[in-house]
Amino acid sequence: MKALVKQKTEPGLWLADVPEPQAGPGDVLIKVERTGICGTDLHIRAWDGWAQQAVAAPLVVGHEFTGVVVETGRDVTDIEPGDRVSGEGHLVCGKCRNCLAGRRHLCRATIGLGVGRDGAFAEYVALPAQNVWVHRGRVDPDIAAIFDPFGNAVHTALSFPLVGEDVLITGAGPIGLMAVAVARHAGARNVVVTDVSEERLELARKVGASLALDVSGADIAEGQRALGLREGFDVGLEMSGNPAALRDMLANMTHGGKIAMLGLPAEDFAVDWARIVTSMITIKGIYGREMFETWYAMSVLLEGGLDLGPVITGRYGYRDFDAAFDDAAGGHGGKVVLDWTR
């Protein structure tokens, strides 16, 4: 089969012929139809310091996908050929304390699809049945392909109650954009999003931001005044991994404010811990999705009318992967999807 492979320990990806995966007794074999390009995939393509530590070449990359089941292992009972599915890309041990307690997203032995084992940027992918999410209702394949990052946005945005709250989102990348849509749909009063890309800020307006603020020319305090906020933001969603963004967020939170932090900083940085203490601010780290409560919430949100269509701004055939990756790395659009059916 054709697959996108990290063949060499140098920058780049290669479209190559590799053996089709085999479904074990507890596995599902899926014919891939769409895949989404993630920041992780960009790191692997660039072969930066993180990728050199995390990835062993050769490796089939990718973890955001949707497809149709073509085969199930003998022990699989609740998934059938023909089912449209997406996949949870965190494969957990099932034996540690958190797994046994039903907190699988906290497993310390997690293996990442497309990072620690061959991934989904291929014509077929095999996955343990326990990692497969079956779409019981109708869902656009492009949207189904980005359930993984959509789950990051939902997990982050719904970490704290949002009804009637004023929400600040720092970073209007694809996950930040989805978080805007979720926060608005979940009942937030105001949703302010910051970035330095006008293209992404315009996308934020399309998905429901009350105010999309270019922080290269304005600050968050000005945004507060424009909306008539007197005491700061109730909930912060940090999506950028930028030290300045988190510091600005902390400076504009109300007393007792709550911050969910998904953005992954590249290095250590200082924050005003005295302010965190005296303002009684809660900071919660987010990684991945709750298995599978977040997946259920995603499906229900879409059934309830949440529209993620504007978040997808690039669609390419898989043979045009270089152009697709360049688009995703440009930092000005939303999600980029590869079509494996053409």
C-alpha atoms as a PDB file:
ATOM      1  CA  MET A   1       0.000   0.000   0.000  1.00  0.00           C
ATOM      2  CA  LYS A   2       0.988   3.657  -0.317  1.00  0.00           C
ATOM      3  CA  ALA A   3       1.969   5.461   2.886  1.00  0.00           C
ATOM      4  CA  LEU A   4       3.719   8.623   4.027  1.00  0.00           C
ATOM      5  CA  VAL A   5       6.882   7.444   5.724  1.00  0.00           C
ATOM      6  CA  LYS A   6       9.662   9.013   7.750  1.00  0.00           C
ATOM      7  CA  GLN A   7      12.277   6.949   5.917  1.00  0.00           C
ATOM      8  CA  LYS A   8      15.421   8.843   6.844  1.00  0.00           C
ATOM      9  CA  THR A   9      16.736  10.699   9.884  1.00  0.00           C
ATOM     10  CA  GLU A  10      16.629  14.031   8.091  1.00  0.00           C
ATOM     11  CA  PRO A  11      13.984  16.611   7.162  1.00  0.00           C
ATOM     12  CA  GLY A  12      11.252  15.364   4.867  1.00  0.00           C
ATOM     13  CA  LEU A  13       8.617  12.687   4.333  1.00  0.00           C
ATOM     14  CA  TRP A  14       8.457  10.131   1.550  1.00  0.00           C
ATOM     15  CA  LEU A  15       5.508   8.507  -0.243  1.00  0.00           C
ATOM     16  CA  ALA A  16       6.470   4.838  -0.302  1.00  0.00           C
ATOM     17  CA  ASP A  17       5.128   1.329  -0.815  1.00  0.00           C
ATOM     18  CA  VAL A  18       4.894  -0.543   2.487  1.00  0.00           C
ATOM     19  CA  PRO A  19       3.220  -3.811   3.535  1.00  0.00           C
ATOM     20  CA  GLU A  20      -0.443  -3.583   4.449  1.00  0.00           C
ATOM     21  CA  PRO A  21      -0.986  -3.925   8.226  1.00  0.00           C
ATOM     22  CA  GLN A  22      -2.588  -7.074   9.583  1.00  0.00           C
ATOM     23  CA  ALA A  23      -5.488  -7.079  12.043  1.00  0.00           C
ATOM     24  CA  GLY A  24      -4.789  -9.129  15.166  1.00  0.00           C
ATOM     25  CA  PRO A  25      -7.520 -10.864  17.230  1.00  0.00           C
ATOM     26  CA  GLY A  26      -8.527  -7.641  18.987  1.00  0.00           C
ATOM     27  CA  ASP A  27      -7.842  -5.256  16.106  1.00  0.00           C
ATOM     28  CA  VAL A  28      -9.770  -3.528  13.361  1.00  0.00           C
ATOM     29  CA  LEU A  29      -8.416  -2.956   9.839  1.00  0.00           C
ATOM     30  CA  ILE A  30      -9.566   0.362   8.373  1.00  0.00           C
ATOM     31  CA  LYS A  31      -9.432   1.660   4.808  1.00  0.00           C
ATOM     32  CA  VAL A  32      -8.366   5.269   5.294  1.00  0.00           C
ATOM     33  CA  GLU A  33     -10.354   7.958   3.466  1.00  0.00           C
ATOM     34  CA  ARG A  34      -9.210  11.258   5.018  1.00  0.00           C
ATOM     35  CA  THR A  35      -6.391  12.338   7.307  1.00  0.00           C
ATOM     36  CA  GLY A  36      -5.668  15.609   9.086  1.00  0.00           C
ATOM     37  CA  ILE A  37      -2.208  17.171   9.358  1.00  0.00           C
ATOM     38  CA  CYS A  38      -1.216  17.925  12.955  1.00  0.00           C
ATOM     39  CA  GLY A  39       1.574  19.987  14.506  1.00  0.00           C
ATOM     40  CA  THR A  40       3.169  16.694  15.566  1.00  0.00           C
ATOM     41  CA  ASP A  41       3.394  15.675  11.904  1.00  0.00           C
ATOM     42  CA  LEU A  42       5.037  19.013  11.082  1.00  0.00           C
ATOM     43  CA  HIS A  43       7.657  18.411  13.784  1.00  0.00           C
ATOM     44  CA  ILE A  44       8.391  14.947  12.387  1.00  0.00           C
ATOM     45  CA  ARG A  45       8.672  16.284   8.842  1.00  0.00           C
ATOM     46  CA  ALA A  46      11.030  19.062   9.986  1.00  0.00           C
ATOM     47  CA  TRP A  47      13.027  16.543  12.053  1.00  0.00           C
ATOM     48  CA  ASP A  48      13.490  18.990  14.901  1.00  0.00           C
ATOM     49  CA  GLY A  49      14.918  18.217  18.316  1.00  0.00           C
ATOM     50  CA  TRP A  50      11.668  16.804  19.668  1.00  0.00           C
ATOM     51  CA  ALA A  51      11.190  14.505  16.665  1.00  0.00           C
ATOM     52  CA  GLN A  52      14.748  13.215  16.890  1.00  0.00           C
ATOM     53  CA  GLN A  53      14.089  12.162  20.481  1.00  0.00           C
ATOM     54  CA  ALA A  54      10.574  10.777  19.975  1.00  0.00           C
ATOM     55  CA  VAL A  55      10.622   9.001  16.603  1.00  0.00           C
ATOM     56  CA  ALA A  56      12.571   6.030  15.276  1.00  0.00           C
ATOM     57  CA  ALA A  57      12.728   5.867  11.458  1.00  0.00           C
ATOM     58  CA  PRO A  58      11.368   4.270   9.362  1.00  0.00           C
ATOM     59  CA  LEU A  59       7.844   5.079  10.529  1.00  0.00           C
ATOM     60  CA  VAL A  60       4.453   5.604   8.892  1.00  0.00           C
ATOM     61  CA  VAL A  61       3.317   8.939  10.332  1.00  0.00           C
ATOM     62  CA  GLY A  62      -0.092  10.446  11.105  1.00  0.00           C
ATOM     63  CA  HIS A  63      -2.784   9.975  13.731  1.00  0.00           C
ATOM     64  CA  GLU A  64      -5.787  12.063  12.638  1.00  0.00           C
ATOM     65  CA  PHE A  65      -7.997  10.011  10.315  1.00  0.00           C
ATOM     66  CA  THR A  66     -11.323   8.586   9.311  1.00  0.00           C
ATOM     67  CA  GLY A  67     -12.135   5.576   7.198  1.00  0.00           C
ATOM     68  CA  VAL A  68     -14.288   2.510   6.748  1.00  0.00           C
ATOM     69  CA  VAL A  69     -13.778  -0.808   8.522  1.00  0.00           C
ATOM     70  CA  VAL A  70     -12.862  -3.611   6.122  1.00  0.00           C
ATOM     71  CA  GLU A  71     -11.906  -6.384   8.561  1.00  0.00           C
ATOM     72  CA  THR A  72     -12.220  -7.184  12.257  1.00  0.00           C
ATOM     73  CA  GLY A  73     -10.278  -9.590  14.447  1.00  0.00           C
ATOM     74  CA  ARG A  74     -11.934 -12.701  15.842  1.00  0.00           C
ATOM     75  CA  ASP A  75     -12.361 -11.163  19.324  1.00  0.00           C
ATOM     76  CA  VAL A  76     -14.055  -7.965  18.066  1.00  0.00           C
ATOM     77  CA  THR A  77     -17.816  -8.070  18.627  1.00  0.00           C
ATOM     78  CA  ASP A  78     -19.206  -4.526  18.460  1.00  0.00           C
ATOM     79  CA  ILE A  79     -17.602  -3.161  15.272  1.00  0.00           C
ATOM     80  CA  GLU A  80     -18.502  -4.398  11.806  1.00  0.00           C
ATOM     81  CA  PRO A  81     -17.139  -4.060   8.254  1.00  0.00           C
ATOM     82  CA  GLY A  82     -18.689  -1.001   6.648  1.00  0.00           C
ATOM     83  CA  ASP A  83     -18.702   1.096   9.836  1.00  0.00           C
ATOM     84  CA  ARG A  84     -17.323   4.609   9.432  1.00  0.00           C
ATOM     85  CA  VAL A  85     -14.808   5.214  12.188  1.00  0.00           C
ATOM     86  CA  SER A  86     -12.173   7.533  13.588  1.00  0.00           C
ATOM     87  CA  GLY A  87      -9.467   6.491  16.019  1.00  0.00           C
ATOM     88  CA  GLU A  88      -8.112   7.500  19.422  1.00  0.00           C
ATOM     89  CA  GLY A  89      -4.396   7.926  18.755  1.00  0.00           C
ATOM     90  CA  HIS A  90      -3.268   7.300  22.342  1.00  0.00           C
ATOM     91  CA  LEU A  91      -2.795   3.574  22.904  1.00  0.00           C
ATOM     92  CA  VAL A  92      -2.786   2.820  26.629  1.00  0.00           C
ATOM     93  CA  CYS A  93      -1.525  -0.117  28.675  1.00  0.00           C
ATOM     94  CA  GLY A  94      -4.835  -1.057  30.315  1.00  0.00           C
ATOM     95  CA  LYS A  95      -3.015  -2.281  33.436  1.00  0.00           C
ATOM     96  CA  CYS A  96      -1.772   0.759  35.365  1.00  0.00           C
ATOM     97  CA  ARG A  97      -3.673   2.350  38.240  1.00  0.00           C
ATOM     98  CA  ASN A  98      -5.267   5.038  36.075  1.00  0.00           C
ATOM     99  CA  CYS A  99      -6.296   2.642  33.321  1.00  0.00           C
ATOM    100  CA  LEU A 100      -7.866   0.244  35.805  1.00  0.00           C
ATOM    101  CA  ALA A 101      -9.730   3.156  37.404  1.00  0.00           C
ATOM    102  CA  GLY A 102     -11.183   4.206  34.045  1.00  0.00           C
ATOM    103  CA  ARG A 103      -8.859   7.198  33.653  1.00  0.00           C
ATOM    104  CA  ARG A 104      -7.189   5.952  30.499  1.00  0.00           C
ATOM    105  CA  HIS A 105      -6.190   9.418  29.323  1.00  0.00           C
ATOM    106  CA  LEU A 106      -3.830   9.539  32.332  1.00  0.00           C
ATOM    107  CA  CYS A 107      -1.949   6.330  31.441  1.00  0.00           C
ATOM    108  CA  ARG A 108       1.793   6.756  31.993  1.00  0.00           C
ATOM    109  CA  ALA A 109       2.637   4.136  29.358  1.00  0.00           C
ATOM    110  CA  THR A 110       0.789   5.729  26.434  1.00  0.00           C
ATOM    111  CA  ILE A 111       2.071   4.987  22.922  1.00  0.00           C
ATOM    112  CA  GLY A 112       1.215   7.489  20.204  1.00  0.00           C
ATOM    113  CA  LEU A 113      -0.144   6.387  16.826  1.00  0.00           C
ATOM    114  CA  GLY A 114       2.178   7.742  14.145  1.00  0.00           C
ATOM    115  CA  VAL A 115       4.849   8.492  16.754  1.00  0.00           C
ATOM    116  CA  GLY A 116       5.579   5.322  18.721  1.00  0.00           C
ATOM    117  CA  ARG A 117       4.050   2.951  16.166  1.00  0.00           C
ATOM    118  CA  ASP A 118       3.047   3.087  12.486  1.00  0.00           C
ATOM    119  CA  GLY A 119       0.276   5.570  11.899  1.00  0.00           C
ATOM    120  CA  ALA A 120      -2.627   6.481   9.650  1.00  0.00           C
ATOM    121  CA  PHE A 121      -1.133   8.404   6.719  1.00  0.00           C
ATOM    122  CA  ALA A 122      -1.629   5.338   4.573  1.00  0.00           C
ATOM    123  CA  GLU A 123      -4.238   3.488   2.554  1.00  0.00           C
ATOM    124  CA  TYR A 124      -4.907   1.184   5.525  1.00  0.00           C
ATOM    125  CA  VAL A 125      -4.355   1.329   9.266  1.00  0.00           C
ATOM    126  CA  ALA A 126      -4.847  -1.334  11.943  1.00  0.00           C
ATOM    127  CA  LEU A 127      -5.920  -0.238  15.410  1.00  0.00           C
ATOM    128  CA  PRO A 128      -7.029  -1.987  18.605  1.00  0.00           C
ATOM    129  CA  ALA A 129     -10.826  -2.123  18.705  1.00  0.00           C
ATOM    130  CA  GLN A 130     -10.809  -0.299  22.056  1.00  0.00           C
ATOM    131  CA  ASN A 131      -9.296   2.717  20.275  1.00  0.00           C
ATOM    132  CA  VAL A 132     -11.911   2.849  17.512  1.00  0.00           C
ATOM    133  CA  TRP A 133     -14.793   5.339  17.601  1.00  0.00           C
ATOM    134  CA  VAL A 134     -17.763   4.360  15.424  1.00  0.00           C
ATOM    135  CA  HIS A 135     -19.735   7.259  13.939  1.00  0.00           C
ATOM    136  CA  ARG A 136     -23.312   6.130  14.485  1.00  0.00           C
ATOM    137  CA  GLY A 137     -24.794   9.231  12.866  1.00  0.00           C
ATOM    138  CA  ARG A 138     -23.980  10.897   9.569  1.00  0.00           C
ATOM    139  CA  VAL A 139     -20.809  12.965   9.673  1.00  0.00           C
ATOM    140  CA  ASP A 140     -18.818  14.658   6.920  1.00  0.00           C
ATOM    141  CA  PRO A 141     -15.616  12.641   6.287  1.00  0.00           C
ATOM    142  CA  ASP A 142     -13.510  15.800   6.493  1.00  0.00           C
ATOM    143  CA  ILE A 143     -14.923  16.525   9.949  1.00  0.00           C
ATOM    144  CA  ALA A 144     -14.600  12.895  11.041  1.00  0.00           C
ATOM    145  CA  ALA A 145     -10.917  13.073  10.072  1.00  0.00           C
ATOM    146  CA  ILE A 146     -10.243  15.801  12.638  1.00  0.00           C
ATOM    147  CA  PHE A 147     -12.000  14.256  15.634  1.00  0.00           C
ATOM    148  CA  ASP A 148      -8.590  13.875  17.332  1.00  0.00           C
ATOM    149  CA  PRO A 149      -7.793  17.630  17.444  1.00  0.00           C
ATOM    150  CA  PHE A 150     -11.484  18.450  17.873  1.00  0.00           C
ATOM    151  CA  GLY A 151     -11.255  16.306  20.998  1.00  0.00           C
ATOM    152  CA  ASN A 152      -8.333  18.379  22.250  1.00  0.00           C
ATOM    153  CA  ALA A 153     -10.461  21.496  21.851  1.00  0.00           C
ATOM    154  CA  VAL A 154     -13.493  19.935  23.551  1.00  0.00           C
ATOM    155  CA  HIS A 155     -11.433  18.496  26.426  1.00  0.00           C
ATOM    156  CA  THR A 156      -9.832  21.900  27.008  1.00  0.00           C
ATOM    157  CA  ALA A 157     -12.915  24.067  26.562  1.00  0.00           C
ATOM    158  CA  LEU A 158     -15.187  21.906  28.709  1.00  0.00           C
ATOM    159  CA  SER A 159     -12.724  21.534  31.593  1.00  0.00           C
ATOM    160  CA  PHE A 160     -14.652  24.258  33.423  1.00  0.00           C
ATOM    161  CA  PRO A 161     -18.293  25.428  33.265  1.00  0.00           C
ATOM    162  CA  LEU A 162     -18.763  28.020  30.513  1.00  0.00           C
ATOM    163  CA  VAL A 163     -22.410  29.074  30.707  1.00  0.00           C
ATOM    164  CA  GLY A 164     -22.546  32.849  31.079  1.00  0.00           C
ATOM    165  CA  GLU A 165     -18.757  33.140  31.479  1.00  0.00           C
ATOM    166  CA  ASP A 166     -16.287  35.434  29.745  1.00  0.00           C
ATOM    167  CA  VAL A 167     -13.681  33.297  28.001  1.00  0.00           C
ATOM    168  CA  LEU A 168     -10.219  34.237  26.756  1.00  0.00           C
ATOM    169  CA  ILE A 169      -8.515  31.966  24.192  1.00  0.00           C
ATOM    170  CA  THR A 170      -4.867  32.640  23.379  1.00  0.00           C
ATOM    171  CA  GLY A 171      -3.904  31.192  20.003  1.00  0.00           C
ATOM    172  CA  ALA A 172      -6.181  30.977  16.946  1.00  0.00           C
ATOM    173  CA  GLY A 173      -4.584  27.911  15.416  1.00  0.00           C
ATOM    174  CA  PRO A 174      -6.892  25.066  14.332  1.00  0.00           C
ATOM    175  CA  ILE A 175      -7.532  23.795  17.873  1.00  0.00           C
ATOM    176  CA  GLY A 176      -8.012  27.331  19.187  1.00  0.00           C
ATOM    177  CA  LEU A 177     -10.551  27.954  16.431  1.00  0.00           C
ATOM    178  CA  MET A 178     -12.458  24.804  17.355  1.00  0.00           C
ATOM    179  CA  ALA A 179     -12.373  25.877  21.002  1.00  0.00           C
ATOM    180  CA  VAL A 180     -13.983  29.193  20.015  1.00  0.00           C
ATOM    181  CA  ALA A 181     -16.849  27.315  18.359  1.00  0.00           C
ATOM    182  CA  VAL A 182     -17.242  24.969  21.346  1.00  0.00           C
ATOM    183  CA  ALA A 183     -17.187  27.764  23.927  1.00  0.00           C
ATOM    184  CA  ARG A 184     -19.795  29.753  22.036  1.00  0.00           C
ATOM    185  CA  HIS A 185     -21.980  26.665  21.541  1.00  0.00           C
ATOM    186  CA  ALA A 186     -21.639  25.774  25.245  1.00  0.00           C
ATOM    187  CA  GLY A 187     -23.084  29.104  26.379  1.00  0.00           C
ATOM    188  CA  ALA A 188     -20.170  31.467  27.045  1.00  0.00           C
ATOM    189  CA  ARG A 189     -21.193  35.113  27.217  1.00  0.00           C
ATOM    190  CA  ASN A 190     -18.096  36.525  25.501  1.00  0.00           C
ATOM    191  CA  VAL A 191     -15.343  34.638  23.687  1.00  0.00           C
ATOM    192  CA  VAL A 192     -12.180  36.627  22.992  1.00  0.00           C
ATOM    193  CA  VAL A 193      -9.395  35.047  20.933  1.00  0.00           C
ATOM    194  CA  THR A 194      -5.896  36.424  20.360  1.00  0.00           C
ATOM    195  CA  ASP A 195      -3.331  35.782  17.638  1.00  0.00           C
ATOM    196  CA  VAL A 196      -0.977  37.673  15.317  1.00  0.00           C
ATOM    197  CA  SER A 197      -2.365  36.244  12.050  1.00  0.00           C
ATOM    198  CA  GLU A 198      -5.211  38.286  10.606  1.00  0.00           C
ATOM    199  CA  GLU A 199      -6.249  35.328   8.446  1.00  0.00           C
ATOM    200  CA  ARG A 200      -6.731  33.146  11.507  1.00  0.00           C
ATOM    201  CA  LEU A 201      -8.451  35.926  13.419  1.00  0.00           C
ATOM    202  CA  GLU A 202     -10.936  36.257  10.560  1.00  0.00           C
ATOM    203  CA  LEU A 203     -11.612  32.519  10.812  1.00  0.00           C
ATOM    204  CA  ALA A 204     -12.208  33.012  14.544  1.00  0.00           C
ATOM    205  CA  ARG A 205     -14.857  35.604  13.756  1.00  0.00           C
ATOM    206  CA  LYS A 206     -16.549  33.156  11.393  1.00  0.00           C
ATOM    207  CA  VAL A 207     -16.842  30.486  14.095  1.00  0.00           C
ATOM    208  CA  GLY A 208     -18.294  32.841  16.685  1.00  0.00           C
ATOM    209  CA  ALA A 209     -15.635  34.906  18.472  1.00  0.00           C
ATOM    210  CA  SER A 210     -17.041  38.006  20.173  1.00  0.00           C
ATOM    211  CA  LEU A 211     -13.712  39.710  19.602  1.00  0.00           C
ATOM    212  CA  ALA A 212     -10.669  38.541  17.624  1.00  0.00           C
ATOM    213  CA  LEU A 213      -7.670  40.567  18.773  1.00  0.00           C
ATOM    214  CA  ASP A 214      -4.353  41.013  16.953  1.00  0.00           C
ATOM    215  CA  VAL A 215      -1.970  41.264  19.907  1.00  0.00           C
ATOM    216  CA  SER A 216       0.839  42.591  17.722  1.00  0.00           C
ATOM    217  CA  GLY A 217      -1.004  45.924  17.731  1.00  0.00           C
ATOM    218  CA  ALA A 218      -3.379  45.796  20.707  1.00  0.00           C
ATOM    219  CA  ASP A 219      -3.462  44.246  24.161  1.00  0.00           C
ATOM    220  CA  ILE A 220      -5.983  42.118  26.006  1.00  0.00           C
ATOM    221  CA  ALA A 221      -6.846  44.919  28.431  1.00  0.00           C
ATOM    222  CA  GLU A 222      -8.072  46.966  25.462  1.00  0.00           C
ATOM    223  CA  GLY A 223     -10.252  44.028  24.464  1.00  0.00           C
ATOM    224  CA  GLN A 224     -11.744  43.922  27.939  1.00  0.00           C
ATOM    225  CA  ARG A 225     -12.614  47.610  27.758  1.00  0.00           C
ATOM    226  CA  ALA A 226     -14.142  47.202  24.302  1.00  0.00           C
ATOM    227  CA  LEU A 227     -16.506  44.547  25.666  1.00  0.00           C
ATOM    228  CA  GLY A 228     -17.222  46.375  28.918  1.00  0.00           C
ATOM    229  CA  LEU A 229     -15.651  43.737  31.158  1.00  0.00           C
ATOM    230  CA  ARG A 230     -14.824  45.072  34.609  1.00  0.00           C
ATOM    231  CA  GLU A 231     -13.228  42.211  36.516  1.00  0.00           C
ATOM    232  CA  GLY A 232     -11.329  40.178  33.922  1.00  0.00           C
ATOM    233  CA  PHE A 233     -11.972  36.821  32.294  1.00  0.00           C
ATOM    234  CA  ASP A 234     -13.565  33.922  34.122  1.00  0.00           C
ATOM    235  CA  VAL A 235     -12.040  31.133  32.025  1.00  0.00           C
ATOM    236  CA  GLY A 236      -8.823  31.061  30.019  1.00  0.00           C
ATOM    237  CA  LEU A 237      -7.929  28.514  27.334  1.00  0.00           C
ATOM    238  CA  GLU A 238      -4.220  28.698  26.497  1.00  0.00           C
ATOM    239  CA  MET A 239      -3.682  27.145  23.055  1.00  0.00           C
ATOM    240  CA  SER A 240      -0.455  28.734  21.812  1.00  0.00           C
ATOM    241  CA  GLY A 241       2.371  27.504  24.048  1.00  0.00           C
ATOM    242  CA  ASN A 242       3.691  31.065  23.921  1.00  0.00           C
ATOM    243  CA  PRO A 243       5.114  32.355  27.242  1.00  0.00           C
ATOM    244  CA  ALA A 244       3.935  35.911  26.583  1.00  0.00           C
ATOM    245  CA  ALA A 245       0.410  34.648  25.881  1.00  0.00           C
ATOM    246  CA  LEU A 246       0.159  32.862  29.229  1.00  0.00           C
ATOM    247  CA  ARG A 247       1.567  35.858  31.105  1.00  0.00           C
ATOM    248  CA  ASP A 248      -0.965  38.158  29.418  1.00  0.00           C
ATOM    249  CA  MET A 249      -3.741  35.709  30.217  1.00  0.00           C
ATOM    250  CA  LEU A 250      -2.773  35.603  33.890  1.00  0.00           C
ATOM    251  CA  ALA A 251      -2.715  39.401  34.013  1.00  0.00           C
ATOM    252  CA  ASN A 252      -6.276  39.597  32.705  1.00  0.00           C
ATOM    253  CA  MET A 253      -8.028  36.885  34.737  1.00  0.00           C
ATOM    254  CA  THR A 254     -10.597  37.625  37.408  1.00  0.00           C
ATOM    255  CA  HIS A 255      -9.957  36.537  40.985  1.00  0.00           C
ATOM    256  CA  GLY A 256     -10.744  32.846  41.178  1.00  0.00           C
ATOM    257  CA  GLY A 257     -10.362  32.486  37.421  1.00  0.00           C
ATOM    258  CA  LYS A 258      -9.647  29.111  35.842  1.00  0.00           C
ATOM    259  CA  ILE A 259      -7.144  28.337  33.081  1.00  0.00           C
ATOM    260  CA  ALA A 260      -6.961  25.174  30.974  1.00  0.00           C
ATOM    261  CA  MET A 261      -3.577  24.933  29.266  1.00  0.00           C
ATOM    262  CA  LEU A 262      -3.206  22.856  26.089  1.00  0.00           C
ATOM    263  CA  GLY A 263      -0.426  24.811  24.349  1.00  0.00           C
ATOM    264  CA  LEU A 264       2.933  23.088  24.751  1.00  0.00           C
ATOM    265  CA  PRO A 265       5.833  25.504  25.444  1.00  0.00           C
ATOM    266  CA  ALA A 266       9.153  24.733  23.795  1.00  0.00           C
ATOM    267  CA  GLU A 267      11.119  25.544  26.955  1.00  0.00           C
ATOM    268  CA  ASP A 268      10.815  26.569  30.600  1.00  0.00           C
ATOM    269  CA  PHE A 269       9.674  30.126  31.349  1.00  0.00           C
ATOM    270  CA  ALA A 270       8.823  32.269  34.341  1.00  0.00           C
ATOM    271  CA  VAL A 271       5.326  33.309  35.399  1.00  0.00           C
ATOM    272  CA  ASP A 272       4.044  35.531  38.213  1.00  0.00           C
ATOM    273  CA  TRP A 273       3.328  32.868  40.830  1.00  0.00           C
ATOM    274  CA  ALA A 274       2.458  35.503  43.418  1.00  0.00           C
ATOM    275  CA  ARG A 275      -0.413  36.632  41.216  1.00  0.00           C
ATOM    276  CA  ILE A 276      -1.583  33.044  40.735  1.00  0.00           C
ATOM    277  CA  VAL A 277      -1.643  32.567  44.515  1.00  0.00           C
ATOM    278  CA  THR A 278      -3.154  35.881  45.560  1.00  0.00           C
ATOM    279  CA  SER A 279      -5.752  35.812  42.742  1.00  0.00           C
ATOM    280  CA  MET A 280      -6.535  32.174  43.572  1.00  0.00           C
ATOM    281  CA  ILE A 281      -6.215  31.103  39.937  1.00  0.00           C
ATOM    282  CA  THR A 282      -6.574  27.443  38.976  1.00  0.00           C
ATOM    283  CA  ILE A 283      -4.340  26.110  36.176  1.00  0.00           C
ATOM    284  CA  LYS A 284      -5.106  22.713  34.656  1.00  0.00           C
ATOM    285  CA  GLY A 285      -2.853  20.961  32.136  1.00  0.00           C
ATOM    286  CA  ILE A 286      -4.607  19.211  29.239  1.00  0.00           C
ATOM    287  CA  TYR A 287      -3.200  16.434  27.058  1.00  0.00           C
ATOM    288  CA  GLY A 288      -5.270  14.526  24.533  1.00  0.00           C
ATOM    289  CA  ARG A 289      -8.861  13.505  25.177  1.00  0.00           C
ATOM    290  CA  GLU A 290     -10.773  11.769  27.957  1.00  0.00           C
ATOM    291  CA  MET A 291     -11.449   8.264  26.698  1.00  0.00           C
ATOM    292  CA  PHE A 292     -14.196   8.207  25.671  1.00  0.00           C
ATOM    293  CA  GLU A 293     -16.264  10.876  27.374  1.00  0.00           C
ATOM    294  CA  THR A 294     -14.751  13.555  25.141  1.00  0.00           C
ATOM    295  CA  TRP A 295     -15.593  11.523  22.025  1.00  0.00           C
ATOM    296  CA  TYR A 296     -19.199  11.247  23.136  1.00  0.00           C
ATOM    297  CA  ALA A 297     -19.321  15.004  23.740  1.00  0.00           C
ATOM    298  CA  MET A 298     -17.895  15.667  20.272  1.00  0.00           C
ATOM    299  CA  SER A 299     -20.588  13.606  18.572  1.00  0.00           C
ATOM    300  CA  VAL A 300     -23.338  15.246  20.613  1.00  0.00           C
ATOM    301  CA  LEU A 301     -22.020  18.752  19.851  1.00  0.00           C
ATOM    302  CA  LEU A 302     -22.101  18.028  16.116  1.00  0.00           C
ATOM    303  CA  GLU A 303     -25.597  16.539  16.408  1.00  0.00           C
ATOM    304  CA  GLY A 304     -26.595  19.758  18.178  1.00  0.00           C
ATOM    305  CA  GLY A 305     -25.550  21.920  15.251  1.00  0.00           C
ATOM    306  CA  LEU A 306     -21.922  22.838  15.981  1.00  0.00           C
ATOM    307  CA  ASP A 307     -20.355  23.795  12.636  1.00  0.00           C
ATOM    308  CA  LEU A 308     -16.639  23.127  12.163  1.00  0.00           C
ATOM    309  CA  GLY A 309     -16.716  23.639   8.407  1.00  0.00           C
ATOM    310  CA  PRO A 310     -14.893  27.010   8.434  1.00  0.00           C
ATOM    311  CA  VAL A 311     -11.995  25.466  10.401  1.00  0.00           C
ATOM    312  CA  ILE A 312     -10.938  23.303   7.426  1.00  0.00           C
ATOM    313  CA  THR A 313      -9.173  25.571   4.928  1.00  0.00           C
ATOM    314  CA  GLY A 314      -7.022  23.149   2.907  1.00  0.00           C
ATOM    315  CA  ARG A 315      -7.953  19.966   1.054  1.00  0.00           C
ATOM    316  CA  TYR A 316      -5.411  17.980  -0.963  1.00  0.00           C
ATOM    317  CA  GLY A 317      -5.011  14.592  -2.559  1.00  0.00           C
ATOM    318  CA  TYR A 318      -2.455  12.510  -0.665  1.00  0.00           C
ATOM    319  CA  ARG A 319       0.026  12.625  -3.557  1.00  0.00           C
ATOM    320  CA  ASP A 320       0.187  16.412  -3.088  1.00  0.00           C
ATOM    321  CA  PHE A 321       1.332  15.959   0.508  1.00  0.00           C
ATOM    322  CA  ASP A 322       4.279  18.351   0.207  1.00  0.00           C
ATOM    323  CA  ALA A 323       1.993  21.239  -0.772  1.00  0.00           C
ATOM    324  CA  ALA A 324      -0.431  20.242   1.985  1.00  0.00           C
ATOM    325  CA  PHE A 325       2.318  20.215   4.615  1.00  0.00           C
ATOM    326  CA  ASP A 326       3.611  23.583   3.409  1.00  0.00           C
ATOM    327  CA  ASP A 327       0.076  24.958   3.741  1.00  0.00           C
ATOM    328  CA  ALA A 328      -0.269  23.574   7.276  1.00  0.00           C
ATOM    329  CA  ALA A 329       3.137  24.932   8.281  1.00  0.00           C
ATOM    330  CA  GLY A 330       2.363  28.411   6.963  1.00  0.00           C
ATOM    331  CA  GLY A 331       0.587  29.425  10.175  1.00  0.00           C
ATOM    332  CA  HIS A 332      -2.185  31.411   8.493  1.00  0.00           C
ATOM    333  CA  GLY A 333      -4.997  28.917   7.895  1.00  0.00           C
ATOM    334  CA  GLY A 334      -6.987  26.273   9.699  1.00  0.00           C
ATOM    335  CA  LYS A 335      -6.914  22.499   9.387  1.00  0.00           C
ATOM    336  CA  VAL A 336      -5.480  20.824   6.302  1.00  0.00           C
ATOM    337  CA  VAL A 337      -6.955  17.482   5.197  1.00  0.00           C
ATOM    338  CA  LEU A 338      -5.482  14.823   2.893  1.00  0.00           C
ATOM    339  CA  ASP A 339      -7.863  12.755   0.742  1.00  0.00           C
ATOM    340  CA  TRP A 340      -6.709   9.121   0.355  1.00  0.00           C
ATOM    341  CA  THR A 341      -9.500   8.224  -2.100  1.00  0.00           C
ATOM    342  CA  ARG A 342      -8.046  10.254  -4.970  1.00  0.00           C
END
